[in-house]
Structure formats: C-alpha cells, structure tokens
Amino acid sequence: MHFHDCFVHGCDASILIDGANTEKTAGPNLLLRGYEVIDDAKTKLEAACPGVVSCADILALAARDSVVLTNGPSWPVPTGRRDGTVSLASDTANLPGFTDSIDVQKQKFAALGLNTQDLVTLVGIRGLLGLTFNVEFGRSMVKMSNIGVKTGANGEIRKVCSAIN
C-alpha cells in the first residue's frame, strides 16, 4: 500500500481517501488490503494526541513495521509528513504495471529518482533472499519513502485518513 501511495503524489496517504474516482478505487489498487489497520491506528492516535500524527506517517511506519514483523529488514522512517489533499484514480497511471515493459518500468522509477536496482528490489522481491536482499530492500524503501513528502503548509494532518479535512 505504501509503495502504491508513494508512486502517485508522493508519500502523502492520498491512497487512503474514500470516494468515487479516488486512488483507492483505481484498478491497480483494488486488491490492496489493510485500510482498516491504518484507520484504527489513526482513531487511537487522535484520541490520545489529536492533530499530531499524519496518516502519511502512520502508513510509512506501518509499512516498515509489517516488513519487520515478517522477519524482513528495518529502515529509518523520518516522521513529520503531511497528508495530501488530492486523490484521483486517473493519477495511478504512474504506477508500474504488470504489463509494462521493463523499459517503461525503468522510466517510471527514474522519474521518481529511483534506479534499476530499486526496481529489481521493490518489484522483483520474490527472487531475492538473504542479507543482500535485506540491505537493498531497506535502502530502496528509504529512497521510496522520501518521494514527494509533504511538510508544513504543503499538506494537512487529517482527522480521519479516509477523508480530506
């Protein structure tokens, strides 16, 4: 889910927004699951410290923690992100598709400052094992997690992750 979010408008939690013709309803994202986990975390955080933790931070931390909990690598996740205020299904064309040629996928990754090694690591992870995978996956996740991060007045901290304030 974090990968799909970062590839569209940057790592801004725009994938979590409900509504017709949002990223969430786009074809490439229809099989994603776990939205309720993010929503539950946001509800608990808002009860404890309202307006402090963004949905984008929750999504980035959840991505890292879910990998760690399955014995994968850990990586640093800077916090302080803001949530995006735009979510359009049409923007998911930026996502690498299964039918895209390798050249098209490389172009999509390069447009976001990612390289062929990141492509192999983030998309072709099934074939990589061991320490090399852990190092490369962590490195690639750090790079991907910094795509289009919104801070300050460039975004907001949503009250609920599924709707713009």
C-alpha atoms as a PDB file:
ATOM      1  CA  MET A   1       0.000   0.000   0.000  1.00  0.00           C
ATOM      2  CA  HIS A   2       2.845   2.389   0.868  1.00  0.00           C
ATOM      3  CA  PHE A   3       4.506   1.627  -2.482  1.00  0.00           C
ATOM      4  CA  HIS A   4       1.269   2.427  -4.345  1.00  0.00           C
ATOM      5  CA  ASP A   5       0.830   5.627  -2.342  1.00  0.00           C
ATOM      6  CA  CYS A   6       4.357   6.915  -2.904  1.00  0.00           C
ATOM      7  CA  PHE A   7       4.264   6.373  -6.659  1.00  0.00           C
ATOM      8  CA  VAL A   8       1.291   8.666  -7.305  1.00  0.00           C
ATOM      9  CA  HIS A   9       1.566  12.026  -5.496  1.00  0.00           C
ATOM     10  CA  GLY A  10       4.429  11.071  -3.238  1.00  0.00           C
ATOM     11  CA  CYS A  11       4.148   9.520   0.209  1.00  0.00           C
ATOM     12  CA  ASP A  12       1.111  11.558   1.246  1.00  0.00           C
ATOM     13  CA  ALA A  13      -1.545   8.958   2.213  1.00  0.00           C
ATOM     14  CA  SER A  14      -3.713  10.020  -0.737  1.00  0.00           C
ATOM     15  CA  ILE A  15      -4.383   6.321  -1.374  1.00  0.00           C
ATOM     16  CA  LEU A  16      -6.448   6.205   1.845  1.00  0.00           C
ATOM     17  CA  ILE A  17      -9.074   8.748   0.749  1.00  0.00           C
ATOM     18  CA  ASP A  18     -12.550   7.314   0.087  1.00  0.00           C
ATOM     19  CA  GLY A  19     -14.798   8.404  -2.760  1.00  0.00           C
ATOM     20  CA  ALA A  20     -15.635   7.809  -6.379  1.00  0.00           C
ATOM     21  CA  ASN A  21     -12.665   8.129  -8.721  1.00  0.00           C
ATOM     22  CA  THR A  22     -10.030   8.276  -5.967  1.00  0.00           C
ATOM     23  CA  GLU A  23      -6.735   6.388  -5.987  1.00  0.00           C
ATOM     24  CA  LYS A  24      -8.333   3.809  -3.706  1.00  0.00           C
ATOM     25  CA  THR A  25     -10.921   2.926  -6.379  1.00  0.00           C
ATOM     26  CA  ALA A  26      -8.443   2.718  -9.277  1.00  0.00           C
ATOM     27  CA  GLY A  27      -7.781  -0.644 -10.915  1.00  0.00           C
ATOM     28  CA  PRO A  28      -4.183  -1.053  -9.723  1.00  0.00           C
ATOM     29  CA  ASN A  29      -5.277  -0.541  -6.101  1.00  0.00           C
ATOM     30  CA  LEU A  30      -8.431  -2.672  -5.943  1.00  0.00           C
ATOM     31  CA  LEU A  31      -6.626  -5.661  -4.443  1.00  0.00           C
ATOM     32  CA  LEU A  32      -4.895  -3.702  -1.678  1.00  0.00           C
ATOM     33  CA  ARG A  33      -5.991  -4.600   1.851  1.00  0.00           C
ATOM     34  CA  GLY A  34      -5.406  -3.284   5.358  1.00  0.00           C
ATOM     35  CA  TYR A  35      -7.083   0.109   5.204  1.00  0.00           C
ATOM     36  CA  GLU A  36      -8.853  -0.666   8.483  1.00  0.00           C
ATOM     37  CA  VAL A  37      -5.491  -1.131  10.242  1.00  0.00           C
ATOM     38  CA  ILE A  38      -4.467   2.415   9.305  1.00  0.00           C
ATOM     39  CA  ASP A  39      -7.921   3.762  10.242  1.00  0.00           C
ATOM     40  CA  ASP A  40      -7.797   2.033  13.649  1.00  0.00           C
ATOM     41  CA  ALA A  41      -4.322   3.407  14.365  1.00  0.00           C
ATOM     42  CA  LYS A  42      -5.448   6.912  13.394  1.00  0.00           C
ATOM     43  CA  THR A  43      -8.531   6.686  15.633  1.00  0.00           C
ATOM     44  CA  LYS A  44      -6.392   5.696  18.622  1.00  0.00           C
ATOM     45  CA  LEU A  45      -3.783   8.372  17.918  1.00  0.00           C
ATOM     46  CA  GLU A  46      -6.415  11.081  17.509  1.00  0.00           C
ATOM     47  CA  ALA A  47      -7.920  10.092  20.870  1.00  0.00           C
ATOM     48  CA  ALA A  48      -4.518  10.329  22.572  1.00  0.00           C
ATOM     49  CA  CYS A  49      -2.977  13.294  20.744  1.00  0.00           C
ATOM     50  CA  PRO A  50      -5.345  14.959  18.262  1.00  0.00           C
ATOM     51  CA  GLY A  51      -3.895  16.657  15.206  1.00  0.00           C
ATOM     52  CA  VAL A  52      -0.325  15.475  15.765  1.00  0.00           C
ATOM     53  CA  VAL A  53       0.294  12.306  13.717  1.00  0.00           C
ATOM     54  CA  SER A  54      -0.468  12.306   9.993  1.00  0.00           C
ATOM     55  CA  CYS A  55      -1.957   9.423   8.060  1.00  0.00           C
ATOM     56  CA  ALA A  56       1.139   9.569   5.831  1.00  0.00           C
ATOM     57  CA  ASP A  57       3.364   8.899   8.853  1.00  0.00           C
ATOM     58  CA  ILE A  58       1.109   6.057  10.008  1.00  0.00           C
ATOM     59  CA  LEU A  59       1.244   4.468   6.550  1.00  0.00           C
ATOM     60  CA  ALA A  60       5.047   4.772   6.318  1.00  0.00           C
ATOM     61  CA  LEU A  61       5.559   3.367   9.818  1.00  0.00           C
ATOM     62  CA  ALA A  62       3.052   0.554   9.222  1.00  0.00           C
ATOM     63  CA  ALA A  63       4.881  -0.414   6.021  1.00  0.00           C
ATOM     64  CA  ARG A  64       8.187  -0.623   7.840  1.00  0.00           C
ATOM     65  CA  ASP A  65       6.753  -2.423  10.864  1.00  0.00           C
ATOM     66  CA  SER A  66       4.871  -5.000   8.783  1.00  0.00           C
ATOM     67  CA  VAL A  67       8.117  -5.893   6.994  1.00  0.00           C
ATOM     68  CA  VAL A  68       9.989  -6.133  10.314  1.00  0.00           C
ATOM     69  CA  LEU A  69       7.251  -8.323  11.837  1.00  0.00           C
ATOM     70  CA  THR A  70       7.695 -10.795   8.976  1.00  0.00           C
ATOM     71  CA  ASN A  71      11.442 -11.029   9.678  1.00  0.00           C
ATOM     72  CA  GLY A  72      12.366  -8.532   6.985  1.00  0.00           C
ATOM     73  CA  PRO A  73      14.752  -5.604   7.311  1.00  0.00           C
ATOM     74  CA  SER A  74      14.126  -2.384   9.204  1.00  0.00           C
ATOM     75  CA  TRP A  75      14.908   1.115   7.949  1.00  0.00           C
ATOM     76  CA  PRO A  76      14.696   4.601   9.411  1.00  0.00           C
ATOM     77  CA  VAL A  77      11.355   6.357   8.885  1.00  0.00           C
ATOM     78  CA  PRO A  78      11.509  10.106   9.451  1.00  0.00           C
ATOM     79  CA  THR A  79       8.221  11.483  10.728  1.00  0.00           C
ATOM     80  CA  GLY A  80       6.575  14.860  10.304  1.00  0.00           C
ATOM     81  CA  ARG A  81       4.900  14.179   6.960  1.00  0.00           C
ATOM     82  CA  ARG A  82       1.684  15.935   5.996  1.00  0.00           C
ATOM     83  CA  ASP A  83      -1.272  14.305   4.293  1.00  0.00           C
ATOM     84  CA  GLY A  84      -2.113  15.132   0.700  1.00  0.00           C
ATOM     85  CA  THR A  85      -5.369  16.770  -0.306  1.00  0.00           C
ATOM     86  CA  VAL A  86      -5.720  15.320  -3.824  1.00  0.00           C
ATOM     87  CA  SER A  87      -6.609  11.741  -4.750  1.00  0.00           C
ATOM     88  CA  LEU A  88      -7.556  10.962  -8.350  1.00  0.00           C
ATOM     89  CA  ALA A  89      -7.922   7.499  -9.855  1.00  0.00           C
ATOM     90  CA  SER A  90      -6.511   8.783 -13.138  1.00  0.00           C
ATOM     91  CA  ASP A  91      -3.196   9.576 -11.449  1.00  0.00           C
ATOM     92  CA  THR A  92      -2.492   5.891 -10.805  1.00  0.00           C
ATOM     93  CA  ALA A  93      -1.193   5.609 -14.380  1.00  0.00           C
ATOM     94  CA  ASN A  94       2.197   6.404 -12.792  1.00  0.00           C
ATOM     95  CA  LEU A  95       2.205   3.012 -11.058  1.00  0.00           C
ATOM     96  CA  PRO A  96       4.390   0.350 -12.658  1.00  0.00           C
ATOM     97  CA  GLY A  97       2.046  -2.204 -14.225  1.00  0.00           C
ATOM     98  CA  PHE A  98       2.431  -5.934 -14.757  1.00  0.00           C
ATOM     99  CA  THR A  99       2.067  -5.416 -18.498  1.00  0.00           C
ATOM    100  CA  ASP A 100       4.603  -2.565 -18.679  1.00  0.00           C
ATOM    101  CA  SER A 101       7.818  -3.404 -20.471  1.00  0.00           C
ATOM    102  CA  ILE A 102      10.992  -3.271 -18.406  1.00  0.00           C
ATOM    103  CA  ASP A 103      11.927  -0.046 -20.210  1.00  0.00           C
ATOM    104  CA  VAL A 104       8.627   1.603 -19.224  1.00  0.00           C
ATOM    105  CA  GLN A 105       9.044   0.436 -15.624  1.00  0.00           C
ATOM    106  CA  LYS A 106      12.604   1.799 -15.548  1.00  0.00           C
ATOM    107  CA  GLN A 107      11.321   5.150 -16.867  1.00  0.00           C
ATOM    108  CA  LYS A 108       8.611   5.300 -14.184  1.00  0.00           C
ATOM    109  CA  PHE A 109      11.163   4.574 -11.463  1.00  0.00           C
ATOM    110  CA  ALA A 110      13.682   7.055 -12.883  1.00  0.00           C
ATOM    111  CA  ALA A 111      11.033   9.800 -12.931  1.00  0.00           C
ATOM    112  CA  LEU A 112      10.900   9.455  -9.141  1.00  0.00           C
ATOM    113  CA  GLY A 113      14.649   9.349  -8.596  1.00  0.00           C
ATOM    114  CA  LEU A 114      14.788   5.575  -8.293  1.00  0.00           C
ATOM    115  CA  ASN A 115      17.120   3.340 -10.287  1.00  0.00           C
ATOM    116  CA  THR A 116      17.112  -0.143 -11.808  1.00  0.00           C
ATOM    117  CA  GLN A 117      18.365  -1.692  -8.552  1.00  0.00           C
ATOM    118  CA  ASP A 118      15.382  -0.127  -6.751  1.00  0.00           C
ATOM    119  CA  LEU A 119      13.065  -1.547  -9.422  1.00  0.00           C
ATOM    120  CA  VAL A 120      14.501  -5.039  -9.020  1.00  0.00           C
ATOM    121  CA  THR A 121      14.376  -4.794  -5.235  1.00  0.00           C
ATOM    122  CA  LEU A 122      10.896  -3.286  -4.825  1.00  0.00           C
ATOM    123  CA  VAL A 123       9.071  -5.020  -7.679  1.00  0.00           C
ATOM    124  CA  GLY A 124      11.048  -8.236  -8.107  1.00  0.00           C
ATOM    125  CA  ILE A 125      11.497  -9.039  -4.412  1.00  0.00           C
ATOM    126  CA  ARG A 126      10.352 -12.646  -4.719  1.00  0.00           C
ATOM    127  CA  GLY A 127      13.648 -13.645  -6.313  1.00  0.00           C
ATOM    128  CA  LEU A 128      15.916 -12.055  -3.717  1.00  0.00           C
ATOM    129  CA  LEU A 129      16.858 -13.706  -0.451  1.00  0.00           C
ATOM    130  CA  GLY A 130      19.199 -13.245   2.441  1.00  0.00           C
ATOM    131  CA  LEU A 131      21.334 -10.394   3.676  1.00  0.00           C
ATOM    132  CA  THR A 132      21.772  -8.790   0.266  1.00  0.00           C
ATOM    133  CA  PHE A 133      18.001  -8.527  -0.062  1.00  0.00           C
ATOM    134  CA  ASN A 134      17.674  -7.019   3.419  1.00  0.00           C
ATOM    135  CA  VAL A 135      20.290  -4.359   2.713  1.00  0.00           C
ATOM    136  CA  GLU A 136      18.968  -3.483  -0.742  1.00  0.00           C
ATOM    137  CA  PHE A 137      15.311  -3.544   0.311  1.00  0.00           C
ATOM    138  CA  GLY A 138      15.974  -1.245   3.259  1.00  0.00           C
ATOM    139  CA  ARG A 139      17.973   1.148   1.072  1.00  0.00           C
ATOM    140  CA  SER A 140      15.273   1.204  -1.599  1.00  0.00           C
ATOM    141  CA  MET A 141      12.491   1.730   0.954  1.00  0.00           C
ATOM    142  CA  VAL A 142      14.335   4.720   2.424  1.00  0.00           C
ATOM    143  CA  LYS A 143      14.614   6.256  -1.046  1.00  0.00           C
ATOM    144  CA  MET A 144      10.992   5.492  -1.939  1.00  0.00           C
ATOM    145  CA  SER A 145       9.686   6.784   1.394  1.00  0.00           C
ATOM    146  CA  ASN A 146      11.177  10.196   0.622  1.00  0.00           C
ATOM    147  CA  ILE A 147       9.323  10.673  -2.672  1.00  0.00           C
ATOM    148  CA  GLY A 148       7.220  13.819  -2.637  1.00  0.00           C
ATOM    149  CA  VAL A 149       6.976  14.113   1.138  1.00  0.00           C
ATOM    150  CA  LYS A 150       4.715  16.991   2.097  1.00  0.00           C
ATOM    151  CA  THR A 151       5.657  19.148   5.083  1.00  0.00           C
ATOM    152  CA  GLY A 152       4.459  22.375   6.677  1.00  0.00           C
ATOM    153  CA  ALA A 153       1.785  24.165   4.669  1.00  0.00           C
ATOM    154  CA  ASN A 154       2.130  21.733   1.737  1.00  0.00           C
ATOM    155  CA  GLY A 155      -0.415  19.371   3.271  1.00  0.00           C
ATOM    156  CA  GLU A 156      -2.576  18.774   6.305  1.00  0.00           C
ATOM    157  CA  ILE A 157      -2.981  16.362   9.175  1.00  0.00           C
ATOM    158  CA  ARG A 158      -6.307  14.675   8.507  1.00  0.00           C
ATOM    159  CA  LYS A 159      -8.721  13.969  11.330  1.00  0.00           C
ATOM    160  CA  VAL A 160      -9.582  10.666   9.636  1.00  0.00           C
ATOM    161  CA  CYS A 161      -7.455   9.033   6.967  1.00  0.00           C
ATOM    162  CA  SER A 162     -10.319   8.333   4.576  1.00  0.00           C
ATOM    163  CA  ALA A 163     -11.361  11.982   4.083  1.00  0.00           C
ATOM    164  CA  ILE A 164      -9.791  15.363   3.449  1.00  0.00           C
ATOM    165  CA  ASN A 165     -10.458  17.806   6.302  1.00  0.00           C
END
